[in-house]
């Protein structure tokens, strides 16, 4: 019996590391979290630790284009 011919388009896969590090806001702005929050923070001041919890808007057209290509199904 012959094999069934493949029809249709291929599935787009999300790059999981990208989807965990970046997210889209409701207005469509791409934001990221800061690194350096996991360990070796005993000598870090409380102010610096508090600043690490904020999100940053991603700058640069090329970065945004690459992230949207890696995570095409990203939702806000």
C-alpha atoms as a PDB file:
ATOM      1  CA  UNK A   1       0.000   0.000   0.000  1.00  0.00           C
ATOM      2  CA  UNK A   2       1.491   3.404  -0.932  1.00  0.00           C
ATOM      3  CA  UNK A   3       2.118   6.035   1.717  1.00  0.00           C
ATOM      4  CA  UNK A   4      -0.290   8.900   2.103  1.00  0.00           C
ATOM      5  CA  UNK A   5       1.012  12.112   0.562  1.00  0.00           C
ATOM      6  CA  UNK A   6       1.688  14.952   3.002  1.00  0.00           C
ATOM      7  CA  UNK A   7      -0.594  17.900   2.554  1.00  0.00           C
ATOM      8  CA  UNK A   8      -0.814  21.275   4.240  1.00  0.00           C
ATOM      9  CA  UNK A   9       1.704  23.502   5.937  1.00  0.00           C
ATOM     10  CA  UNK A  10       4.238  22.689   8.601  1.00  0.00           C
ATOM     11  CA  UNK A  11       3.743  23.655  12.238  1.00  0.00           C
ATOM     12  CA  UNK A  12       5.610  26.611  13.718  1.00  0.00           C
ATOM     13  CA  UNK A  13       7.453  25.682  16.883  1.00  0.00           C
ATOM     14  CA  UNK A  14       8.043  28.187  19.679  1.00  0.00           C
ATOM     15  CA  UNK A  15      11.569  28.593  21.054  1.00  0.00           C
ATOM     16  CA  UNK A  16      10.782  27.894  24.709  1.00  0.00           C
ATOM     17  CA  UNK A  17      13.709  29.844  26.228  1.00  0.00           C
ATOM     18  CA  UNK A  18      12.597  32.948  24.314  1.00  0.00           C
ATOM     19  CA  UNK A  19       8.984  32.610  25.404  1.00  0.00           C
ATOM     20  CA  UNK A  20      10.082  32.356  29.050  1.00  0.00           C
ATOM     21  CA  UNK A  21      12.377  35.406  28.929  1.00  0.00           C
ATOM     22  CA  UNK A  22      10.230  37.839  26.945  1.00  0.00           C
ATOM     23  CA  UNK A  23       6.558  38.799  26.845  1.00  0.00           C
ATOM     24  CA  UNK A  24       4.268  41.155  25.012  1.00  0.00           C
ATOM     25  CA  UNK A  25       2.295  43.760  26.915  1.00  0.00           C
ATOM     26  CA  UNK A  26      -1.301  44.582  26.097  1.00  0.00           C
ATOM     27  CA  UNK A  27      -0.221  47.503  23.922  1.00  0.00           C
ATOM     28  CA  UNK A  28       2.159  45.254  21.956  1.00  0.00           C
ATOM     29  CA  UNK A  29       5.436  46.382  23.562  1.00  0.00           C
ATOM     30  CA  UNK A  30       8.080  43.689  23.993  1.00  0.00           C
ATOM     31  CA  UNK A  31       9.505  43.569  27.538  1.00  0.00           C
ATOM     32  CA  UNK A  32      12.114  41.423  29.263  1.00  0.00           C
ATOM     33  CA  UNK A  33      13.137  40.694  32.841  1.00  0.00           C
ATOM     34  CA  UNK A  34      16.586  41.387  34.260  1.00  0.00           C
ATOM     35  CA  UNK A  35      19.104  38.655  34.960  1.00  0.00           C
ATOM     36  CA  UNK A  36      21.261  38.044  38.021  1.00  0.00           C
ATOM     37  CA  UNK A  37      18.466  37.270  40.469  1.00  0.00           C
ATOM     38  CA  UNK A  38      19.112  33.635  41.240  1.00  0.00           C
ATOM     39  CA  UNK A  39      22.169  33.416  43.526  1.00  0.00           C
ATOM     40  CA  UNK A  40      25.247  35.273  44.890  1.00  0.00           C
ATOM     41  CA  UNK A  41      23.102  38.159  46.149  1.00  0.00           C
ATOM     42  CA  UNK A  42      24.159  38.399  49.796  1.00  0.00           C
ATOM     43  CA  UNK A  43      26.457  41.355  49.259  1.00  0.00           C
ATOM     44  CA  UNK A  44      24.028  43.114  46.923  1.00  0.00           C
ATOM     45  CA  UNK A  45      22.201  46.075  48.413  1.00  0.00           C
ATOM     46  CA  UNK A  46      18.446  45.990  48.931  1.00  0.00           C
ATOM     47  CA  UNK A  47      18.005  48.829  46.453  1.00  0.00           C
ATOM     48  CA  UNK A  48      19.846  46.950  43.716  1.00  0.00           C
ATOM     49  CA  UNK A  49      17.829  43.797  44.412  1.00  0.00           C
ATOM     50  CA  UNK A  50      14.610  45.790  44.161  1.00  0.00           C
ATOM     51  CA  UNK A  51      15.705  47.283  40.828  1.00  0.00           C
ATOM     52  CA  UNK A  52      16.288  43.782  39.436  1.00  0.00           C
ATOM     53  CA  UNK A  53      12.580  42.971  39.710  1.00  0.00           C
ATOM     54  CA  UNK A  54      11.518  45.586  37.141  1.00  0.00           C
ATOM     55  CA  UNK A  55      10.951  44.798  33.474  1.00  0.00           C
ATOM     56  CA  UNK A  56      12.738  46.601  30.647  1.00  0.00           C
ATOM     57  CA  UNK A  57      11.388  47.508  27.224  1.00  0.00           C
ATOM     58  CA  UNK A  58      13.385  45.751  24.494  1.00  0.00           C
ATOM     59  CA  UNK A  59      15.199  48.265  22.288  1.00  0.00           C
ATOM     60  CA  UNK A  60      16.280  47.741  18.702  1.00  0.00           C
ATOM     61  CA  UNK A  61      14.342  46.674  15.626  1.00  0.00           C
ATOM     62  CA  UNK A  62      16.605  43.684  14.926  1.00  0.00           C
ATOM     63  CA  UNK A  63      16.214  42.269  18.440  1.00  0.00           C
ATOM     64  CA  UNK A  64      12.437  42.587  18.277  1.00  0.00           C
ATOM     65  CA  UNK A  65      12.356  40.982  14.825  1.00  0.00           C
ATOM     66  CA  UNK A  66      14.485  38.050  16.008  1.00  0.00           C
ATOM     67  CA  UNK A  67      12.405  37.476  19.146  1.00  0.00           C
ATOM     68  CA  UNK A  68       9.143  37.542  17.199  1.00  0.00           C
ATOM     69  CA  UNK A  69      10.593  35.027  14.741  1.00  0.00           C
ATOM     70  CA  UNK A  70      11.697  32.702  17.563  1.00  0.00           C
ATOM     71  CA  UNK A  71       8.326  32.910  19.339  1.00  0.00           C
ATOM     72  CA  UNK A  72       5.685  33.464  16.634  1.00  0.00           C
ATOM     73  CA  UNK A  73       2.769  32.528  18.891  1.00  0.00           C
ATOM     74  CA  UNK A  74       3.758  34.821  21.765  1.00  0.00           C
ATOM     75  CA  UNK A  75       0.803  36.434  23.500  1.00  0.00           C
ATOM     76  CA  UNK A  76       0.632  39.308  25.948  1.00  0.00           C
END
